[in-house]
N, C-alpha and C. Protein backbone atom coordinates (compact mmCIF):
# COMPACT_ATOMS: atom_id res chain seq x y z
N MET A 1 -62.39 -87.05 84.96
CA MET A 1 -62.49 -85.62 84.45
C MET A 1 -62.75 -84.97 86.04
N ARG A 2 -62.36 -83.85 85.44
CA ARG A 2 -62.41 -82.53 86.06
C ARG A 2 -63.91 -81.53 85.82
N THR A 3 -64.46 -81.11 86.70
CA THR A 3 -65.46 -80.14 86.18
C THR A 3 -64.82 -78.68 85.99
N HIS A 4 -65.42 -78.00 85.35
CA HIS A 4 -65.17 -76.55 85.13
C HIS A 4 -66.67 -75.72 85.02
N VAL A 5 -65.92 -74.74 84.81
CA VAL A 5 -67.18 -73.74 84.68
C VAL A 5 -66.48 -72.82 83.63
N ALA A 6 -67.19 -72.55 82.66
CA ALA A 6 -66.90 -71.28 81.66
C ALA A 6 -67.65 -70.12 81.45
N LEU A 7 -67.00 -68.78 81.85
CA LEU A 7 -67.83 -67.86 81.99
C LEU A 7 -67.54 -66.86 80.80
N LEU A 8 -68.85 -66.59 79.96
CA LEU A 8 -68.36 -66.05 78.41
C LEU A 8 -68.47 -64.49 78.82
N ARG A 9 -67.92 -63.82 78.16
CA ARG A 9 -67.99 -62.15 78.44
C ARG A 9 -68.85 -61.50 77.53
N GLY A 10 -69.85 -60.84 78.03
CA GLY A 10 -70.65 -59.95 77.20
C GLY A 10 -71.78 -60.80 76.17
N VAL A 11 -71.81 -61.83 76.71
CA VAL A 11 -72.79 -62.68 76.05
C VAL A 11 -74.03 -62.65 75.97
N ASN A 12 -75.19 -61.97 75.11
CA ASN A 12 -76.45 -61.68 75.22
C ASN A 12 -76.89 -60.57 76.15
N VAL A 13 -75.79 -59.58 76.43
CA VAL A 13 -76.35 -58.43 77.28
C VAL A 13 -76.26 -57.31 76.40
N GLY A 14 -77.82 -56.64 76.77
CA GLY A 14 -78.06 -55.29 76.14
C GLY A 14 -78.29 -55.70 74.26
N GLY A 15 -78.57 -56.68 73.75
CA GLY A 15 -78.80 -57.11 72.89
C GLY A 15 -77.48 -57.42 72.00
N HIS A 16 -76.61 -57.44 72.21
CA HIS A 16 -75.02 -57.56 71.86
C HIS A 16 -74.75 -59.25 72.16
N GLY A 17 -73.49 -59.50 71.38
CA GLY A 17 -73.15 -60.70 71.76
C GLY A 17 -73.94 -61.83 71.70
N LYS A 18 -75.09 -61.68 70.70
CA LYS A 18 -75.71 -62.93 70.89
C LYS A 18 -75.48 -64.39 70.59
N LEU A 19 -75.85 -65.41 71.42
CA LEU A 19 -75.23 -66.63 71.24
C LEU A 19 -76.08 -67.52 71.87
N ALA A 20 -76.94 -68.33 71.36
CA ALA A 20 -77.75 -69.19 71.82
C ALA A 20 -77.29 -70.14 72.55
N MET A 21 -77.86 -70.76 73.86
CA MET A 21 -77.38 -71.69 74.68
C MET A 21 -77.07 -72.79 74.19
N PRO A 22 -78.26 -73.45 73.21
CA PRO A 22 -78.33 -74.73 72.80
C PRO A 22 -77.07 -75.00 71.89
N GLU A 23 -76.54 -73.78 70.93
CA GLU A 23 -75.46 -73.69 70.33
C GLU A 23 -74.35 -73.80 70.85
N LEU A 24 -74.31 -72.71 72.34
CA LEU A 24 -73.14 -72.75 72.81
C LEU A 24 -72.82 -74.53 73.85
N ARG A 25 -73.87 -75.16 73.86
CA ARG A 25 -73.54 -76.29 74.55
C ARG A 25 -73.12 -77.43 73.29
N GLU A 26 -73.71 -77.49 72.09
CA GLU A 26 -73.20 -78.12 71.34
C GLU A 26 -71.57 -77.74 70.91
N ILE A 27 -71.55 -76.70 70.68
CA ILE A 27 -69.96 -76.16 70.47
C ILE A 27 -69.16 -77.08 71.72
N ALA A 28 -69.51 -76.94 72.97
CA ALA A 28 -68.93 -77.54 73.86
C ALA A 28 -68.63 -79.04 73.95
N VAL A 29 -70.00 -79.52 73.01
CA VAL A 29 -69.90 -80.87 73.41
C VAL A 29 -69.05 -81.56 72.17
N SER A 30 -69.01 -80.74 71.06
CA SER A 30 -67.80 -81.17 70.05
C SER A 30 -66.37 -80.97 70.17
N LEU A 31 -66.02 -79.96 71.41
CA LEU A 31 -64.90 -80.19 71.93
C LEU A 31 -64.41 -81.41 72.64
N GLY A 32 -65.37 -81.99 72.91
CA GLY A 32 -65.17 -83.25 73.60
C GLY A 32 -65.34 -83.33 75.04
N PHE A 33 -66.36 -81.82 75.63
CA PHE A 33 -66.57 -81.62 76.69
C PHE A 33 -67.82 -82.71 77.17
N ARG A 34 -67.97 -83.36 78.56
CA ARG A 34 -68.76 -83.96 78.96
C ARG A 34 -69.59 -83.49 79.92
N ASN A 35 -70.53 -83.72 80.31
CA ASN A 35 -72.00 -83.29 81.16
C ASN A 35 -71.96 -81.69 81.10
N VAL A 36 -72.24 -81.37 79.85
CA VAL A 36 -72.46 -80.16 79.51
C VAL A 36 -73.80 -79.63 79.78
N ALA A 37 -73.98 -78.51 80.40
CA ALA A 37 -74.96 -77.53 80.59
C ALA A 37 -74.72 -76.05 80.55
N THR A 38 -75.79 -75.46 80.76
CA THR A 38 -75.76 -73.75 80.59
C THR A 38 -76.86 -73.58 81.57
N TYR A 39 -76.14 -72.02 82.22
CA TYR A 39 -77.39 -71.55 83.25
C TYR A 39 -77.44 -70.46 82.76
N ILE A 40 -78.93 -69.91 82.56
CA ILE A 40 -79.85 -68.73 82.25
C ILE A 40 -78.85 -68.34 80.85
N GLN A 41 -79.21 -67.40 80.77
CA GLN A 41 -78.61 -66.96 78.85
C GLN A 41 -77.58 -66.06 78.78
N SER A 42 -76.71 -66.16 79.64
CA SER A 42 -75.71 -65.03 79.47
C SER A 42 -74.19 -65.32 79.73
N GLY A 43 -74.00 -66.69 79.26
CA GLY A 43 -72.58 -67.56 79.01
C GLY A 43 -72.24 -68.13 79.88
N ASN A 44 -73.23 -69.15 80.71
CA ASN A 44 -72.72 -69.89 81.69
C ASN A 44 -72.49 -71.16 81.29
N LEU A 45 -71.16 -71.92 81.09
CA LEU A 45 -71.25 -72.99 80.78
C LEU A 45 -70.46 -73.70 82.07
N VAL A 46 -70.89 -75.03 82.67
CA VAL A 46 -70.61 -75.95 83.23
C VAL A 46 -70.42 -77.24 82.62
N PHE A 47 -68.92 -78.09 82.81
CA PHE A 47 -68.69 -79.28 81.96
C PHE A 47 -67.43 -80.03 82.61
N ALA A 48 -67.48 -81.17 82.33
CA ALA A 48 -66.15 -81.77 82.64
C ALA A 48 -65.18 -82.00 81.24
N SER A 49 -63.92 -82.28 81.59
CA SER A 49 -62.84 -82.54 80.96
C SER A 49 -61.78 -82.98 81.42
N SER A 50 -61.01 -83.99 80.62
CA SER A 50 -59.90 -84.40 80.93
C SER A 50 -58.68 -83.08 81.10
N GLU A 51 -58.94 -82.39 80.47
CA GLU A 51 -57.71 -81.19 80.22
C GLU A 51 -57.85 -80.48 81.63
N THR A 52 -56.57 -79.99 82.22
CA THR A 52 -56.67 -79.47 83.49
C THR A 52 -56.31 -77.98 83.33
N SER A 53 -55.84 -77.38 82.27
CA SER A 53 -55.11 -76.16 82.10
C SER A 53 -56.61 -75.07 81.67
N ALA A 54 -56.78 -74.57 82.72
CA ALA A 54 -58.25 -73.57 82.50
C ALA A 54 -57.94 -72.77 81.20
N ARG A 55 -56.55 -71.94 81.05
CA ARG A 55 -56.55 -71.65 79.68
C ARG A 55 -56.48 -71.95 78.61
N ARG A 56 -56.02 -73.39 78.68
CA ARG A 56 -56.24 -74.37 77.45
C ARG A 56 -57.65 -74.29 76.78
N LEU A 57 -58.38 -74.58 78.13
CA LEU A 57 -60.05 -74.67 77.86
C LEU A 57 -60.39 -73.44 77.38
N ALA A 58 -60.12 -72.32 77.90
CA ALA A 58 -60.71 -71.08 77.60
C ALA A 58 -60.06 -71.00 76.02
N ALA A 59 -59.25 -71.05 75.78
CA ALA A 59 -58.80 -70.65 74.43
C ALA A 59 -59.28 -71.42 73.03
N ARG A 60 -59.62 -72.79 73.54
CA ARG A 60 -60.11 -74.07 72.54
C ARG A 60 -62.10 -73.55 72.77
N LEU A 61 -62.27 -73.07 73.50
CA LEU A 61 -63.57 -72.37 73.73
C LEU A 61 -63.59 -71.24 72.90
N GLU A 62 -62.72 -70.12 73.10
CA GLU A 62 -62.75 -69.22 72.48
C GLU A 62 -62.83 -69.47 71.15
N GLU A 63 -61.95 -69.91 70.54
CA GLU A 63 -61.55 -70.27 69.19
C GLU A 63 -62.74 -70.92 68.54
N ALA A 64 -63.66 -71.95 69.09
CA ALA A 64 -64.51 -72.73 68.61
C ALA A 64 -65.93 -72.02 68.51
N VAL A 65 -66.11 -71.18 69.28
CA VAL A 65 -67.55 -69.82 69.35
C VAL A 65 -67.25 -68.96 68.28
N ALA A 66 -65.93 -68.46 67.89
CA ALA A 66 -65.33 -67.58 67.07
C ALA A 66 -65.68 -68.30 65.51
N GLU A 67 -64.87 -69.64 65.71
CA GLU A 67 -65.59 -69.91 64.38
C GLU A 67 -66.66 -70.69 63.96
N ARG A 68 -67.59 -70.27 65.11
CA ARG A 68 -68.52 -71.09 64.54
C ARG A 68 -70.21 -70.06 64.39
N THR A 69 -69.94 -69.26 65.30
CA THR A 69 -70.74 -67.92 65.63
C THR A 69 -70.68 -66.76 65.10
N THR A 70 -71.25 -65.62 65.13
CA THR A 70 -70.86 -64.25 65.09
C THR A 70 -70.29 -64.01 66.32
N ALA A 71 -70.30 -64.27 67.60
CA ALA A 71 -69.88 -64.00 68.76
C ALA A 71 -68.56 -64.39 68.75
N SER A 72 -67.61 -63.29 69.46
CA SER A 72 -66.32 -63.71 69.88
C SER A 72 -66.33 -63.26 71.36
N PRO A 73 -66.87 -63.98 72.31
CA PRO A 73 -66.44 -63.36 73.61
C PRO A 73 -64.95 -63.99 74.13
N GLY A 74 -65.02 -63.20 75.18
CA GLY A 74 -63.43 -63.57 75.65
C GLY A 74 -64.30 -64.65 76.77
N VAL A 75 -63.17 -65.72 77.23
CA VAL A 75 -63.79 -66.62 77.97
C VAL A 75 -62.91 -66.82 79.40
N VAL A 76 -63.06 -66.89 80.55
CA VAL A 76 -62.64 -67.10 81.85
C VAL A 76 -63.26 -68.80 81.97
N VAL A 77 -62.07 -69.86 82.53
CA VAL A 77 -62.51 -70.77 82.84
C VAL A 77 -61.87 -71.07 84.24
N LEU A 78 -62.80 -71.75 85.07
CA LEU A 78 -62.42 -71.96 86.92
C LEU A 78 -62.55 -73.62 87.09
N ALA A 79 -62.02 -74.37 87.24
CA ALA A 79 -62.16 -75.76 88.03
C ALA A 79 -63.17 -75.26 88.94
N ARG A 80 -63.87 -76.49 89.52
CA ARG A 80 -64.92 -76.67 90.44
C ARG A 80 -64.52 -76.32 91.68
N ALA A 81 -63.18 -76.58 92.18
CA ALA A 81 -62.52 -76.19 93.31
C ALA A 81 -62.26 -75.10 93.36
N GLU A 82 -61.90 -74.15 92.16
CA GLU A 82 -61.46 -72.97 92.08
C GLU A 82 -62.70 -71.74 92.52
N LEU A 83 -63.95 -72.26 92.14
CA LEU A 83 -65.28 -71.51 92.05
C LEU A 83 -65.39 -71.75 93.85
N ALA A 84 -64.97 -73.03 94.45
CA ALA A 84 -65.70 -73.01 95.54
C ALA A 84 -65.24 -72.37 96.79
N GLN A 85 -63.41 -72.08 95.96
CA GLN A 85 -62.80 -70.85 96.84
C GLN A 85 -63.38 -69.53 96.61
N VAL A 86 -63.62 -69.10 95.44
CA VAL A 86 -64.35 -67.78 94.98
C VAL A 86 -65.46 -67.86 96.20
N VAL A 87 -66.26 -68.59 96.38
CA VAL A 87 -67.55 -68.60 97.29
C VAL A 87 -67.33 -68.51 98.90
N ALA A 88 -65.93 -69.47 99.29
CA ALA A 88 -65.88 -69.43 100.43
C ALA A 88 -64.82 -68.09 100.78
N GLY A 89 -64.31 -67.38 99.70
CA GLY A 89 -63.55 -66.02 99.97
C GLY A 89 -64.28 -64.97 100.11
N ASN A 90 -65.82 -65.03 99.86
CA ASN A 90 -66.69 -63.88 99.89
C ASN A 90 -66.24 -63.21 100.94
N PRO A 91 -65.90 -61.57 100.83
CA PRO A 91 -65.65 -60.83 101.75
C PRO A 91 -67.08 -60.15 102.54
N TYR A 92 -68.14 -60.24 101.79
CA TYR A 92 -69.19 -59.89 101.99
C TYR A 92 -70.63 -61.06 102.52
N PRO A 93 -70.01 -61.99 103.50
CA PRO A 93 -71.19 -62.90 103.49
C PRO A 93 -71.93 -62.44 104.46
N GLY A 94 -72.33 -61.32 105.11
CA GLY A 94 -73.38 -60.78 105.92
C GLY A 94 -74.52 -59.68 104.81
N GLU A 95 -74.16 -59.79 103.57
CA GLU A 95 -75.40 -59.41 102.60
C GLU A 95 -76.33 -60.37 102.40
N ALA A 96 -77.45 -59.70 103.02
CA ALA A 96 -78.47 -60.74 102.81
C ALA A 96 -79.05 -60.96 101.15
N ASP A 97 -78.90 -59.95 100.29
CA ASP A 97 -79.66 -60.39 99.02
C ASP A 97 -78.26 -60.48 98.27
N PRO A 98 -78.39 -61.75 97.87
CA PRO A 98 -76.98 -61.90 96.60
C PRO A 98 -77.13 -61.33 95.40
N LYS A 99 -78.07 -60.49 94.98
CA LYS A 99 -77.64 -59.42 94.16
C LYS A 99 -77.24 -58.43 94.51
N HIS A 100 -76.92 -58.15 95.58
CA HIS A 100 -76.16 -56.97 95.67
C HIS A 100 -74.73 -57.19 95.89
N VAL A 101 -73.99 -58.41 95.62
CA VAL A 101 -72.85 -58.93 95.63
C VAL A 101 -72.70 -59.12 94.23
N HIS A 102 -71.44 -59.01 93.65
CA HIS A 102 -71.06 -59.16 92.31
C HIS A 102 -69.52 -59.74 92.29
N VAL A 103 -69.16 -60.40 91.63
CA VAL A 103 -67.92 -60.84 91.22
C VAL A 103 -67.48 -60.56 90.08
N THR A 104 -66.25 -60.29 89.51
CA THR A 104 -65.81 -59.87 88.36
C THR A 104 -64.49 -61.06 88.01
N PHE A 105 -64.90 -62.04 87.49
CA PHE A 105 -63.36 -63.35 87.08
C PHE A 105 -62.59 -62.44 86.40
N HIS A 106 -61.52 -62.45 86.63
CA HIS A 106 -60.50 -62.14 85.96
C HIS A 106 -59.54 -63.42 85.33
N SER A 107 -59.14 -63.40 84.21
CA SER A 107 -58.33 -64.47 83.48
C SER A 107 -57.17 -64.59 84.34
N GLU A 108 -56.49 -63.72 85.00
CA GLU A 108 -55.39 -63.97 85.70
C GLU A 108 -55.31 -63.18 86.79
N VAL A 109 -54.37 -63.43 87.94
CA VAL A 109 -54.33 -62.71 89.31
C VAL A 109 -54.47 -61.11 89.03
N ILE A 110 -55.11 -60.18 89.47
CA ILE A 110 -55.02 -58.85 89.46
C ILE A 110 -53.71 -58.43 90.30
N GLY A 111 -52.96 -57.61 89.31
CA GLY A 111 -52.06 -57.17 89.91
C GLY A 111 -51.99 -56.02 90.52
N PRO A 112 -50.82 -55.29 91.01
CA PRO A 112 -50.87 -54.20 91.66
C PRO A 112 -51.67 -53.00 91.34
N ASP A 113 -51.07 -52.67 89.99
CA ASP A 113 -51.92 -51.68 89.50
C ASP A 113 -53.35 -51.87 89.23
N GLY A 114 -53.98 -52.97 88.91
CA GLY A 114 -55.11 -53.35 88.80
C GLY A 114 -55.69 -53.22 90.30
N ALA A 115 -55.40 -53.60 91.24
CA ALA A 115 -55.76 -53.30 92.65
C ALA A 115 -55.79 -52.05 93.04
N ALA A 116 -54.86 -51.25 92.42
CA ALA A 116 -54.79 -49.51 93.08
C ALA A 116 -55.91 -49.31 92.46
N ALA A 117 -56.03 -49.37 90.88
CA ALA A 117 -57.12 -48.83 90.49
C ALA A 117 -58.47 -49.10 90.59
N GLY A 118 -58.61 -50.13 91.14
CA GLY A 118 -60.20 -50.53 91.88
C GLY A 118 -59.99 -49.80 93.07
N LEU A 119 -59.08 -49.83 94.13
CA LEU A 119 -58.95 -49.20 95.33
C LEU A 119 -59.33 -47.50 95.20
N ALA A 120 -58.64 -46.84 94.05
CA ALA A 120 -59.08 -45.57 93.66
C ALA A 120 -60.48 -45.20 93.38
N ALA A 121 -60.87 -46.25 92.38
CA ALA A 121 -62.38 -46.04 92.18
C ALA A 121 -63.25 -45.97 93.35
N ALA A 122 -62.98 -47.26 94.32
CA ALA A 122 -63.78 -47.15 95.69
C ALA A 122 -63.52 -45.98 96.41
N ASP A 123 -62.37 -45.47 96.48
CA ASP A 123 -62.26 -44.07 97.20
C ASP A 123 -63.18 -42.79 96.38
N ARG A 124 -62.86 -42.92 95.00
CA ARG A 124 -64.08 -41.72 94.60
C ARG A 124 -65.37 -41.98 94.75
N ALA A 125 -65.88 -43.22 94.79
CA ALA A 125 -67.01 -43.48 94.99
C ALA A 125 -67.65 -43.12 96.37
N ARG A 126 -66.96 -43.57 97.22
CA ARG A 126 -67.33 -42.75 98.79
C ARG A 126 -67.55 -41.56 98.75
N GLU A 127 -66.06 -40.56 98.20
CA GLU A 127 -66.53 -39.24 98.26
C GLU A 127 -67.50 -38.93 97.83
N LEU A 128 -68.07 -39.58 96.59
CA LEU A 128 -69.52 -38.95 95.91
C LEU A 128 -70.60 -39.84 97.04
N GLY A 129 -70.29 -40.09 98.21
CA GLY A 129 -71.43 -40.42 99.13
C GLY A 129 -72.04 -42.00 98.58
N SER A 130 -71.22 -42.59 98.09
CA SER A 130 -71.88 -43.67 97.90
C SER A 130 -71.38 -45.12 99.16
N ARG A 131 -72.09 -46.17 99.34
CA ARG A 131 -71.86 -47.21 100.33
C ARG A 131 -71.31 -48.31 99.66
N ASP A 132 -70.73 -48.43 98.39
CA ASP A 132 -70.30 -49.50 97.70
C ASP A 132 -69.16 -49.68 98.11
N GLU A 133 -68.94 -50.90 98.31
CA GLU A 133 -67.35 -51.47 98.57
C GLU A 133 -66.93 -52.54 97.55
N LEU A 134 -65.63 -52.54 97.60
CA LEU A 134 -64.72 -53.81 96.81
C LEU A 134 -63.78 -54.41 97.40
N ALA A 135 -63.30 -55.43 97.09
CA ALA A 135 -62.25 -56.06 97.45
C ALA A 135 -61.59 -57.31 96.58
N VAL A 136 -60.36 -56.76 96.16
CA VAL A 136 -59.54 -57.40 95.20
C VAL A 136 -59.11 -59.00 95.83
N VAL A 137 -59.31 -60.05 95.44
CA VAL A 137 -58.71 -61.50 96.21
C VAL A 137 -58.38 -62.06 94.87
N GLY A 138 -56.91 -62.23 94.68
CA GLY A 138 -56.29 -63.25 93.69
C GLY A 138 -57.09 -62.55 91.86
N SER A 139 -57.66 -63.49 91.68
CA SER A 139 -57.84 -63.14 89.78
C SER A 139 -59.34 -62.73 90.22
N CYS A 140 -60.20 -62.10 91.17
CA CYS A 140 -61.20 -61.98 91.48
C CYS A 140 -61.39 -60.48 92.14
N LEU A 141 -62.24 -59.89 91.52
CA LEU A 141 -62.92 -58.51 92.31
C LEU A 141 -64.17 -58.46 92.57
N TYR A 142 -64.58 -58.45 94.13
CA TYR A 142 -65.44 -58.63 94.46
C TYR A 142 -66.62 -57.22 94.64
N LEU A 143 -67.75 -57.23 94.21
CA LEU A 143 -67.88 -55.53 94.47
C LEU A 143 -69.57 -55.59 95.06
N HIS A 144 -69.68 -55.17 96.29
CA HIS A 144 -70.58 -55.00 97.38
C HIS A 144 -71.59 -53.89 97.00
N THR A 145 -72.81 -53.90 96.63
CA THR A 145 -73.64 -52.80 96.08
C THR A 145 -75.03 -52.49 96.92
N PRO A 146 -74.83 -52.07 98.25
CA PRO A 146 -75.76 -52.32 99.07
C PRO A 146 -77.29 -51.37 98.63
N ASP A 147 -76.77 -50.76 97.71
CA ASP A 147 -78.19 -49.89 97.07
C ASP A 147 -78.35 -50.50 95.36
N GLY A 148 -77.86 -51.60 95.33
CA GLY A 148 -78.50 -52.29 94.28
C GLY A 148 -77.13 -51.85 93.11
N LEU A 149 -76.90 -52.41 91.99
CA LEU A 149 -75.75 -52.55 90.77
C LEU A 149 -76.48 -51.19 90.33
N GLY A 150 -77.71 -50.88 89.97
CA GLY A 150 -78.15 -49.92 88.97
C GLY A 150 -77.79 -48.50 89.62
N ARG A 151 -77.41 -48.62 90.84
CA ARG A 151 -77.69 -47.40 91.58
C ARG A 151 -76.02 -46.99 91.49
N SER A 152 -75.11 -48.35 91.71
CA SER A 152 -73.89 -48.24 92.29
C SER A 152 -72.96 -47.25 91.56
N VAL A 153 -72.65 -46.29 92.03
CA VAL A 153 -71.53 -45.40 91.77
C VAL A 153 -70.11 -45.85 91.65
N LEU A 154 -69.91 -46.89 92.71
CA LEU A 154 -68.70 -47.62 92.19
C LEU A 154 -68.52 -48.60 90.81
N ALA A 155 -69.64 -48.83 90.72
CA ALA A 155 -69.68 -49.93 89.33
C ALA A 155 -69.36 -48.63 88.36
N ALA A 156 -70.06 -47.61 88.04
CA ALA A 156 -70.05 -46.67 87.19
C ALA A 156 -68.18 -46.24 87.18
N GLN A 157 -67.64 -46.34 88.38
CA GLN A 157 -66.37 -45.59 88.18
C GLN A 157 -65.23 -46.91 88.04
N LEU A 158 -65.91 -48.34 88.30
CA LEU A 158 -64.99 -49.23 87.52
C LEU A 158 -65.22 -49.38 86.26
N ALA A 159 -66.37 -49.04 85.37
CA ALA A 159 -66.42 -48.86 84.10
C ALA A 159 -66.00 -48.03 83.29
N ARG A 160 -65.14 -46.99 84.32
CA ARG A 160 -63.98 -46.23 83.17
C ARG A 160 -63.11 -46.74 82.34
N PRO A 161 -62.79 -46.34 81.15
CA PRO A 161 -61.84 -46.98 80.73
C PRO A 161 -60.49 -46.77 81.23
N GLN A 162 -60.24 -46.05 82.26
CA GLN A 162 -58.56 -46.10 82.54
C GLN A 162 -58.64 -47.24 83.86
N VAL A 163 -59.40 -47.69 84.20
CA VAL A 163 -59.48 -48.61 85.24
C VAL A 163 -59.40 -49.83 84.47
N GLY A 164 -60.01 -50.16 83.43
CA GLY A 164 -60.18 -51.29 82.46
C GLY A 164 -59.12 -51.40 82.25
N ARG A 165 -58.33 -50.42 81.50
CA ARG A 165 -56.70 -50.47 80.94
C ARG A 165 -55.66 -50.75 82.18
N ALA A 166 -55.88 -50.58 83.20
CA ALA A 166 -54.86 -50.73 84.73
C ALA A 166 -55.25 -52.29 84.75
N MET A 167 -56.34 -52.81 84.73
CA MET A 167 -56.65 -54.22 85.02
C MET A 167 -56.10 -54.98 84.13
N GLY A 168 -56.01 -54.62 82.90
CA GLY A 168 -54.82 -55.07 82.04
C GLY A 168 -55.37 -56.39 81.68
N GLN A 169 -56.46 -57.13 81.38
CA GLN A 169 -56.78 -58.39 80.97
C GLN A 169 -58.30 -58.65 81.06
N LEU A 170 -58.63 -59.65 80.74
CA LEU A 170 -60.23 -60.07 80.38
C LEU A 170 -60.75 -60.27 81.92
N GLY A 171 -62.00 -59.69 81.88
CA GLY A 171 -62.83 -59.97 83.46
C GLY A 171 -64.70 -60.04 83.06
N THR A 172 -65.03 -60.97 83.18
CA THR A 172 -66.60 -60.92 83.40
C THR A 172 -67.04 -60.98 84.75
N ALA A 173 -68.32 -60.29 84.78
CA ALA A 173 -68.76 -60.41 86.01
C ALA A 173 -70.08 -61.16 86.08
N ARG A 174 -70.29 -61.44 87.35
CA ARG A 174 -71.77 -62.44 87.46
C ARG A 174 -72.36 -61.77 89.24
N ASN A 175 -73.45 -62.01 89.41
CA ASN A 175 -74.11 -61.81 90.60
C ASN A 175 -74.14 -62.75 91.39
N TRP A 176 -73.70 -62.64 93.05
CA TRP A 176 -73.60 -64.04 93.72
C TRP A 176 -74.39 -64.73 93.44
N SER A 177 -76.03 -64.51 93.27
CA SER A 177 -76.64 -65.18 92.92
C SER A 177 -76.46 -66.71 91.71
N THR A 178 -75.96 -66.17 90.87
CA THR A 178 -75.27 -66.81 89.37
C THR A 178 -74.43 -67.56 90.17
N VAL A 179 -73.40 -66.69 90.94
CA VAL A 179 -72.30 -67.87 91.33
C VAL A 179 -72.78 -69.15 92.15
N LEU A 180 -73.34 -68.71 93.05
CA LEU A 180 -73.91 -69.86 93.95
C LEU A 180 -74.58 -70.98 92.86
N ALA A 181 -75.66 -70.44 91.88
CA ALA A 181 -76.11 -71.45 91.04
C ALA A 181 -74.99 -72.24 90.20
N LEU A 182 -73.91 -71.98 90.10
CA LEU A 182 -73.28 -72.33 89.28
C LEU A 182 -72.23 -73.01 89.85
N LEU A 183 -72.21 -73.18 90.96
CA LEU A 183 -71.21 -73.93 92.03
C LEU A 183 -72.31 -75.22 92.49
N ALA A 184 -73.58 -74.91 92.20
CA ALA A 184 -74.29 -76.30 92.50
C ALA A 184 -74.61 -76.94 91.47
N LEU A 185 -74.60 -76.20 90.63
CA LEU A 185 -74.44 -77.29 88.90
C LEU A 185 -73.37 -78.02 88.98
N LEU A 186 -72.35 -77.48 89.40
CA LEU A 186 -71.19 -78.23 89.19
C LEU A 186 -71.15 -79.57 90.21
N ASP A 187 -71.69 -79.39 91.40
CA ASP A 187 -71.91 -80.33 92.48
C ASP A 187 -72.95 -81.56 92.16
N GLU A 188 -73.92 -81.46 91.24
CA GLU A 188 -74.69 -81.96 90.69
C GLU A 188 -74.23 -83.56 90.24
């Protein structure tokens, strides 16, 4: 059995996408997943499965959640080794506060148009005096917000619809503290 993390998009954020974590765990068990656990209330699920296709696991979980609840979040699934690569590939290892680094996990590799849109957003943010930075690595967009996410000019730029359209795929963000905690859960 291989261990995985499922990252559900938009769960329990701002009163929307309500999904109780005990219910999510029950759904995962009903799908035959083993060693099921959730982390905080924002749709982070760790589990073991003999299925190796992240795409198939995500589709099964999306379908089951939509069938059994009023939520219909998109899901990104990574194997433990893939999450470890995300951690090892952090382009901002010198940031002392893990809440100032965020990763947006995408369902596929971010293509040239998506990367260009992200870099253009970073350029606009810099023109406005922002210290924020971003790096696109494979299917992840790393965001460094030294002044905090709530004050991030770049995060606001990235939230613009045209940037989302250029990315053209499902993405869901987690702060670095959560990423590290999920990897630790997978290692238990």
